[in-house]
């Protein structure tokens, strides 16, 4: 591959901000919720690299075809691989594509095809754009991707902070993740956190029904790794909705002792006792379901009587209705001894108005 910018290359990153910035010369973009990807194309040779520089090429053959059909013959693009289902982004469908079997990947590429949303240009023909300011990179990207296609998109942008705030409010309904702000005079800095990301912040009261041990836990010094969180569905089942982690080492040890009185005894019933059963996994949300990301990781957990409630912070949910879960690891805020676990239901969650993804991509 003979390009002025070659893999491996870490993409430019973002740091969190609470509000859309208004001071300075910013360019605002929707924040896509997919797989971050750098696309390297040299004629028919296309390589797709993840945020961690690992190859995604074999998992998205339809994206490779689209890049060959709808991008300049020699270019390097930064963007996001996404899958749309029923007018909104689906991270579940995207995760299913990370599969060891080529036949399965091929089937899913036809059944749920992915698209590439480009938002930066790193190289074109023999020219590197890494040192160029964003205003130059964006103009060149718009010219390079001028022919519109159904599988390679150019993300929309705005220099109006009011418009960015409107996107923040409505685009979540199409499965997007927030808003990104970039300075128009900034170069492309691989692995540098020079962008800002503004994401939704919410809280919920959840039932703590188990925990997993930390990878550094030992029999002599057990350490809690993550709390397993649940919400009650309308039929009375406790659905697993995610985990809370990121405790200090000292707090991990304290939590083991603090939660010891709630540990379920041998033979005692627990709402997630069937977590290893495939049929039970299919009929509800239980912890321990295998994923392409965990591989052979030990997914066993210490069950707790569902008697304690915690308030956690989260950004948004993935999935529909009473099968939804926290998209990312939740942040522990505090214990809620004043809350009855039975009152921790899906009804407390904010319902986001749906928004057609086609209107975001237009």
Protein backbone atom coordinates (compact mmCIF):
# COMPACT_ATOMS: atom_id res chain seq x y z
CA UNK A 1 0.00 0.00 0.00
CA UNK A 2 1.71 3.18 -1.28
CA UNK A 3 -0.02 6.11 0.46
CA UNK A 4 1.34 9.24 2.16
CA UNK A 5 -0.40 8.08 5.36
CA UNK A 6 -0.25 4.36 6.13
CA UNK A 7 -1.41 1.99 8.87
CA UNK A 8 -1.05 1.44 11.73
CA UNK A 9 -2.36 4.85 12.76
CA UNK A 10 -4.36 5.79 15.86
CA UNK A 11 -7.29 8.12 15.13
CA UNK A 12 -7.76 11.55 16.66
CA UNK A 13 -9.78 11.34 19.88
CA UNK A 14 -12.12 13.52 21.94
CA UNK A 15 -12.42 14.57 25.55
CA UNK A 16 -15.74 15.03 27.29
CA UNK A 17 -17.49 18.36 27.72
CA UNK A 18 -20.75 19.13 29.48
CA UNK A 19 -22.12 21.69 27.01
CA UNK A 20 -21.72 22.67 23.37
CA UNK A 21 -18.80 25.17 23.27
CA UNK A 22 -19.48 28.63 21.90
CA UNK A 23 -16.20 30.49 22.41
CA UNK A 24 -13.99 30.25 19.34
CA UNK A 25 -14.18 28.95 15.80
CA UNK A 26 -15.81 25.51 16.03
CA UNK A 27 -17.21 23.02 13.56
CA UNK A 28 -19.99 20.84 14.97
CA UNK A 29 -20.90 17.31 13.87
CA UNK A 30 -23.37 14.65 15.03
CA UNK A 31 -21.68 11.98 17.14
CA UNK A 32 -22.23 8.62 15.45
CA UNK A 33 -22.65 5.50 17.57
CA UNK A 34 -20.82 2.83 15.60
CA UNK A 35 -17.34 1.43 15.08
CA UNK A 36 -14.70 4.12 14.64
CA UNK A 37 -12.75 3.26 11.50
CA UNK A 38 -9.85 4.55 9.45
CA UNK A 39 -10.19 3.54 5.79
CA UNK A 40 -7.03 3.23 3.71
CA UNK A 41 -7.58 2.82 -0.04
CA UNK A 42 -4.89 2.34 -2.67
CA UNK A 43 -6.73 1.27 -5.81
CA UNK A 44 -8.37 -2.10 -5.16
CA UNK A 45 -6.42 -2.54 -1.92
CA UNK A 46 -8.65 -1.43 0.97
CA UNK A 47 -7.81 -1.76 4.65
CA UNK A 48 -10.16 -0.81 7.49
CA UNK A 49 -8.60 -0.24 10.90
CA UNK A 50 -10.35 0.10 14.24
CA UNK A 51 -9.69 2.72 16.91
CA UNK A 52 -7.15 0.32 18.44
CA UNK A 53 -5.55 -0.13 14.96
CA UNK A 54 -6.83 -3.73 14.65
CA UNK A 55 -8.17 -4.76 11.26
CA UNK A 56 -11.93 -4.69 10.65
CA UNK A 57 -11.62 -5.44 6.93
CA UNK A 58 -12.82 -9.05 6.94
CA UNK A 59 -15.94 -8.23 8.95
CA UNK A 60 -17.34 -5.67 6.52
CA UNK A 61 -16.93 -6.86 2.91
CA UNK A 62 -19.80 -4.65 1.76
CA UNK A 63 -18.03 -1.57 3.15
CA UNK A 64 -14.90 -2.53 1.22
CA UNK A 65 -17.01 -2.75 -1.96
CA UNK A 66 -18.64 0.60 -1.25
CA UNK A 67 -15.28 2.28 -0.64
CA UNK A 68 -13.99 0.95 -3.98
CA UNK A 69 -17.10 2.21 -5.75
CA UNK A 70 -17.62 5.62 -4.12
CA UNK A 71 -14.30 7.07 -2.92
CA UNK A 72 -11.19 8.44 -4.66
CA UNK A 73 -8.78 5.75 -5.85
CA UNK A 74 -6.07 6.75 -3.36
CA UNK A 75 -7.27 8.18 -0.06
CA UNK A 76 -7.34 7.79 3.73
CA UNK A 77 -10.60 8.60 5.50
CA UNK A 78 -11.64 8.82 9.14
CA UNK A 79 -15.21 7.92 10.00
CA UNK A 80 -17.63 5.48 11.54
CA UNK A 81 -19.08 2.18 10.41
CA UNK A 82 -22.79 2.01 11.24
CA UNK A 83 -25.78 -0.25 10.65
CA UNK A 84 -29.30 1.12 10.36
CA UNK A 85 -32.36 -0.94 11.28
CA UNK A 86 -35.90 0.43 11.18
CA UNK A 87 -34.75 4.00 10.74
CA UNK A 88 -32.18 4.14 13.56
CA UNK A 89 -28.66 2.96 14.35
CA UNK A 90 -28.28 -0.52 15.85
CA UNK A 91 -25.13 -1.25 17.81
CA UNK A 92 -26.34 -4.80 18.49
CA UNK A 93 -26.43 -5.56 14.77
CA UNK A 94 -22.97 -4.04 14.41
CA UNK A 95 -21.54 -6.15 17.25
CA UNK A 96 -22.90 -9.32 15.65
CA UNK A 97 -20.58 -8.75 12.70
CA UNK A 98 -17.48 -9.55 14.77
CA UNK A 99 -17.73 -13.28 14.05
CA UNK A 100 -15.02 -15.83 13.32
CA UNK A 101 -16.99 -17.59 10.56
CA UNK A 102 -16.68 -15.99 7.11
CA UNK A 103 -20.00 -17.56 6.08
CA UNK A 104 -21.78 -15.83 8.95
CA UNK A 105 -20.13 -12.50 8.15
CA UNK A 106 -21.18 -12.89 4.51
CA UNK A 107 -24.78 -13.67 5.46
CA UNK A 108 -25.04 -10.68 7.79
CA UNK A 109 -23.40 -8.37 5.26
CA UNK A 110 -26.35 -9.09 2.98
CA UNK A 111 -29.05 -9.20 5.64
CA UNK A 112 -27.94 -6.11 7.63
CA UNK A 113 -25.48 -4.20 5.43
CA UNK A 114 -23.25 -1.60 7.05
CA UNK A 115 -22.45 1.90 5.80
CA UNK A 116 -19.48 4.19 6.27
CA UNK A 117 -19.96 7.76 7.48
CA UNK A 118 -16.88 9.88 6.70
CA UNK A 119 -16.00 12.93 8.79
CA UNK A 120 -12.32 13.61 8.08
CA UNK A 121 -9.73 13.34 5.32
CA UNK A 122 -6.18 12.26 6.18
CA UNK A 123 -4.72 11.79 2.70
CA UNK A 124 -5.68 12.15 -0.95
CA UNK A 125 -3.60 10.82 -3.84
CA UNK A 126 0.02 11.72 -2.95
CA UNK A 127 -0.85 14.45 -0.44
CA UNK A 128 -1.05 14.08 3.36
CA UNK A 129 -3.62 16.30 5.07
CA UNK A 130 -2.54 15.54 8.65
CA UNK A 131 -0.94 18.96 9.14
CA UNK A 132 -3.68 20.90 7.36
CA UNK A 133 -6.31 22.74 9.44
CA UNK A 134 -9.75 21.22 9.64
CA UNK A 135 -11.26 23.90 7.39
CA UNK A 136 -8.93 22.72 4.58
CA UNK A 137 -9.51 19.02 5.30
CA UNK A 138 -13.28 19.46 5.32
CA UNK A 139 -13.38 21.34 2.02
CA UNK A 140 -11.24 18.66 0.38
CA UNK A 141 -13.39 15.90 1.88
CA UNK A 142 -16.58 17.46 0.52
CA UNK A 143 -15.07 17.64 -2.95
CA UNK A 144 -13.72 14.09 -2.77
CA UNK A 145 -17.07 12.62 -1.70
CA UNK A 146 -19.30 14.88 -3.77
CA UNK A 147 -21.04 11.98 -5.57
CA UNK A 148 -23.62 10.81 -3.02
CA UNK A 149 -24.16 7.10 -2.41
CA UNK A 150 -26.33 4.91 -0.23
CA UNK A 151 -23.36 3.27 1.51
CA UNK A 152 -20.67 5.96 1.84
CA UNK A 153 -21.95 9.11 3.53
CA UNK A 154 -20.46 12.48 4.33
CA UNK A 155 -21.44 13.58 7.83
CA UNK A 156 -23.30 16.85 8.07
CA UNK A 157 -21.64 19.78 9.84
CA UNK A 158 -22.57 23.21 11.13
CA UNK A 159 -20.79 26.26 12.51
CA UNK A 160 -23.93 27.29 14.42
CA UNK A 161 -23.92 26.24 18.11
CA UNK A 162 -27.71 26.58 18.24
CA UNK A 163 -27.99 24.05 15.43
CA UNK A 164 -25.60 21.73 17.28
CA UNK A 165 -27.77 21.95 20.38
CA UNK A 166 -30.84 21.13 18.28
CA UNK A 167 -29.04 18.05 16.92
CA UNK A 168 -28.13 17.06 20.46
CA UNK A 169 -31.80 17.18 21.42
CA UNK A 170 -33.34 15.32 18.48
CA UNK A 171 -30.75 13.05 16.83
CA UNK A 172 -30.64 10.68 19.80
CA UNK A 173 -34.00 9.45 18.56
CA UNK A 174 -32.18 8.05 15.52
CA UNK A 175 -29.61 6.27 17.69
CA UNK A 176 -26.87 8.89 17.64
CA UNK A 177 -24.67 9.56 20.62
CA UNK A 178 -24.47 13.35 21.01
CA UNK A 179 -22.42 16.07 19.33
CA UNK A 180 -18.72 16.52 18.51
CA UNK A 181 -16.99 19.91 18.32
CA UNK A 182 -13.72 20.48 16.44
CA UNK A 183 -11.69 23.66 16.08
CA UNK A 184 -11.52 24.76 12.44
CA UNK A 185 -7.85 25.74 12.71
CA UNK A 186 -6.69 22.45 14.28
CA UNK A 187 -4.53 19.87 12.46
CA UNK A 188 -5.25 16.14 12.62
CA UNK A 189 -3.46 14.81 15.70
CA UNK A 190 -3.37 10.98 15.84
CA UNK A 191 -4.18 9.68 19.33
CA UNK A 192 -4.54 13.26 20.59
CA UNK A 193 -7.68 14.34 22.44
CA UNK A 194 -8.18 17.61 20.61
CA UNK A 195 -11.91 17.30 19.91
CA UNK A 196 -14.79 17.72 22.34
CA UNK A 197 -17.67 15.27 22.73
CA UNK A 198 -20.93 16.27 24.35
CA UNK A 199 -23.00 13.24 25.35
CA UNK A 200 -26.30 12.75 27.15
CA UNK A 201 -26.12 12.32 30.93
CA UNK A 202 -28.97 10.67 32.86
CA UNK A 203 -29.47 8.74 36.08
CA UNK A 204 -31.58 5.76 37.12
CA UNK A 205 -32.26 3.77 40.28
CA UNK A 206 -31.39 0.11 39.72
CA UNK A 207 -31.36 -3.14 41.66
CA UNK A 208 -27.93 -4.57 42.49
CA UNK A 209 -28.32 -8.34 42.08
CA UNK A 210 -24.74 -9.56 41.81
CA UNK A 211 -21.13 -8.72 41.22
CA UNK A 212 -18.10 -10.00 39.35
CA UNK A 213 -14.65 -10.21 40.86
CA UNK A 214 -11.87 -7.97 39.60
CA UNK A 215 -9.13 -9.49 37.45
CA UNK A 216 -6.62 -8.74 40.23
CA UNK A 217 -8.76 -10.36 42.91
CA UNK A 218 -7.15 -13.17 44.93
CA UNK A 219 -8.54 -15.62 47.52
CA UNK A 220 -6.60 -13.74 50.20
CA UNK A 221 -7.74 -10.30 49.01
CA UNK A 222 -10.98 -10.44 47.01
CA UNK A 223 -11.75 -7.31 45.01
CA UNK A 224 -15.04 -6.40 43.41
CA UNK A 225 -14.81 -5.77 39.67
CA UNK A 226 -18.31 -4.62 38.72
CA UNK A 227 -21.83 -4.48 40.10
CA UNK A 228 -24.53 -6.27 38.07
CA UNK A 229 -27.59 -4.08 37.65
CA UNK A 230 -31.23 -4.91 37.01
CA UNK A 231 -34.62 -3.33 36.33
CA UNK A 232 -38.00 -5.00 36.77
CA UNK A 233 -40.09 -5.63 33.67
CA UNK A 234 -43.89 -5.41 33.68
CA UNK A 235 -44.16 -9.21 34.04
CA UNK A 236 -42.12 -9.13 37.25
CA UNK A 237 -38.85 -10.45 35.82
CA UNK A 238 -35.65 -8.75 36.86
CA UNK A 239 -33.88 -7.90 33.62
CA UNK A 240 -30.10 -7.45 33.58
CA UNK A 241 -29.40 -3.97 32.17
CA UNK A 242 -25.64 -3.58 32.58
CA UNK A 243 -22.84 -3.05 35.06
CA UNK A 244 -21.30 -0.29 37.15
CA UNK A 245 -17.54 -0.25 37.65
CA UNK A 246 -14.59 2.16 37.99
CA UNK A 247 -14.13 1.93 41.75
CA UNK A 248 -10.86 2.62 43.53
CA UNK A 249 -8.88 -0.40 44.71
CA UNK A 250 -9.70 0.38 48.33
CA UNK A 251 -13.40 0.70 47.54
CA UNK A 252 -13.36 -2.63 45.66
CA UNK A 253 -12.19 -4.37 48.84
CA UNK A 254 -14.72 -2.51 51.00
CA UNK A 255 -17.61 -3.49 48.73
CA UNK A 256 -16.82 -7.20 49.15
CA UNK A 257 -17.35 -6.86 52.90
CA UNK A 258 -20.28 -4.48 52.53
CA UNK A 259 -22.21 -6.83 50.23
CA UNK A 260 -21.29 -10.08 52.02
CA UNK A 261 -24.60 -10.27 53.98
CA UNK A 262 -26.50 -10.26 50.65
CA UNK A 263 -24.62 -13.15 49.01
CA UNK A 264 -27.08 -15.89 48.00
CA UNK A 265 -26.56 -19.18 49.84
CA UNK A 266 -26.33 -22.58 48.16
CA UNK A 267 -29.80 -23.68 47.06
CA UNK A 268 -31.36 -20.25 47.58
CA UNK A 269 -33.44 -18.88 44.71
CA UNK A 270 -32.15 -16.00 42.60
CA UNK A 271 -33.83 -14.24 39.62
CA UNK A 272 -30.76 -14.92 37.44
CA UNK A 273 -30.17 -18.53 38.47
CA UNK A 274 -30.65 -19.69 34.84
CA UNK A 275 -28.00 -17.37 33.40
CA UNK A 276 -26.17 -20.29 31.74
CA UNK A 277 -29.32 -21.56 29.99
CA UNK A 278 -29.54 -20.50 26.30
CA UNK A 279 -33.34 -20.62 26.23
CA UNK A 280 -33.55 -18.44 29.33
CA UNK A 281 -31.05 -16.02 27.77
CA UNK A 282 -33.21 -15.80 24.64
CA UNK A 283 -36.41 -15.07 26.57
CA UNK A 284 -35.05 -12.25 28.71
CA UNK A 285 -32.01 -10.22 29.70
CA UNK A 286 -29.68 -12.21 31.96
CA UNK A 287 -26.02 -11.60 32.79
CA UNK A 288 -23.46 -13.87 31.21
CA UNK A 289 -24.67 -14.01 27.62
CA UNK A 290 -21.69 -14.68 25.38
CA UNK A 291 -20.60 -11.95 23.01
CA UNK A 292 -17.98 -11.56 20.30
CA UNK A 293 -16.08 -9.22 22.60
CA UNK A 294 -15.77 -11.46 25.67
CA UNK A 295 -14.58 -14.62 23.92
CA UNK A 296 -13.50 -17.11 26.60
CA UNK A 297 -13.71 -14.57 29.42
CA UNK A 298 -15.16 -15.91 32.67
CA UNK A 299 -18.67 -14.47 32.90
CA UNK A 300 -19.65 -16.11 36.20
CA UNK A 301 -20.75 -13.84 39.02
CA UNK A 302 -21.55 -13.78 42.73
CA UNK A 303 -25.37 -13.60 43.07
CA UNK A 304 -26.81 -11.19 45.62
CA UNK A 305 -30.31 -11.06 47.04
CA UNK A 306 -31.97 -8.20 45.08
CA UNK A 307 -32.51 -6.03 48.14
CA UNK A 308 -30.23 -3.08 47.53
CA UNK A 309 -30.83 -0.11 45.22
CA UNK A 310 -28.16 2.10 43.67
CA UNK A 311 -28.39 5.30 41.69
CA UNK A 312 -26.20 5.16 38.59
CA UNK A 313 -25.38 7.60 35.83
CA UNK A 314 -25.70 6.56 32.20
CA UNK A 315 -25.72 8.10 28.73
CA UNK A 316 -28.34 6.18 26.80
CA UNK A 317 -29.95 2.78 26.31
CA UNK A 318 -29.44 0.20 23.59
CA UNK A 319 -32.38 -1.95 22.49
CA UNK A 320 -36.12 -1.56 22.66
CA UNK A 321 -38.67 -1.65 25.44
CA UNK A 322 -38.06 -3.98 28.35
CA UNK A 323 -35.11 -5.64 26.63
CA UNK A 324 -33.09 -2.41 26.66
CA UNK A 325 -29.79 -2.10 28.50
CA UNK A 326 -27.21 0.55 29.27
CA UNK A 327 -25.11 1.11 26.14
CA UNK A 328 -21.94 1.75 28.18
CA UNK A 329 -20.75 0.93 31.68
CA UNK A 330 -22.84 2.88 34.17
CA UNK A 331 -21.29 5.15 36.81
CA UNK A 332 -22.08 4.43 40.45
CA UNK A 333 -23.45 7.55 42.16
CA UNK A 334 -24.78 6.47 45.57
CA UNK A 335 -26.81 3.89 47.44
CA UNK A 336 -30.56 4.54 47.72
CA UNK A 337 -31.73 2.94 51.00
CA UNK A 338 -34.96 4.90 50.67
CA UNK A 339 -35.97 3.08 47.47
CA UNK A 340 -37.91 -0.20 47.34
CA UNK A 341 -36.21 -2.53 44.82
CA UNK A 342 -39.60 -3.44 43.35
CA UNK A 343 -40.05 0.20 42.33
CA UNK A 344 -36.98 0.06 40.06
CA UNK A 345 -38.74 -0.48 36.74
CA UNK A 346 -38.27 0.57 33.14
CA UNK A 347 -41.02 3.15 33.62
CA UNK A 348 -38.54 5.55 35.27
CA UNK A 349 -36.37 5.77 32.15
CA UNK A 350 -36.69 8.74 29.86
CA UNK A 351 -38.38 7.81 26.59
CA UNK A 352 -36.53 9.39 23.67
CA UNK A 353 -38.70 10.51 20.76
CA UNK A 354 -37.81 8.60 17.60
CA UNK A 355 -36.17 10.46 14.74
CA UNK A 356 -35.66 9.14 11.23
CA UNK A 357 -32.01 8.37 10.53
CA UNK A 358 -32.55 9.28 6.87
CA UNK A 359 -33.08 12.88 7.95
CA UNK A 360 -29.70 12.86 9.68
CA UNK A 361 -27.97 11.45 6.59
CA UNK A 362 -29.64 13.64 4.01
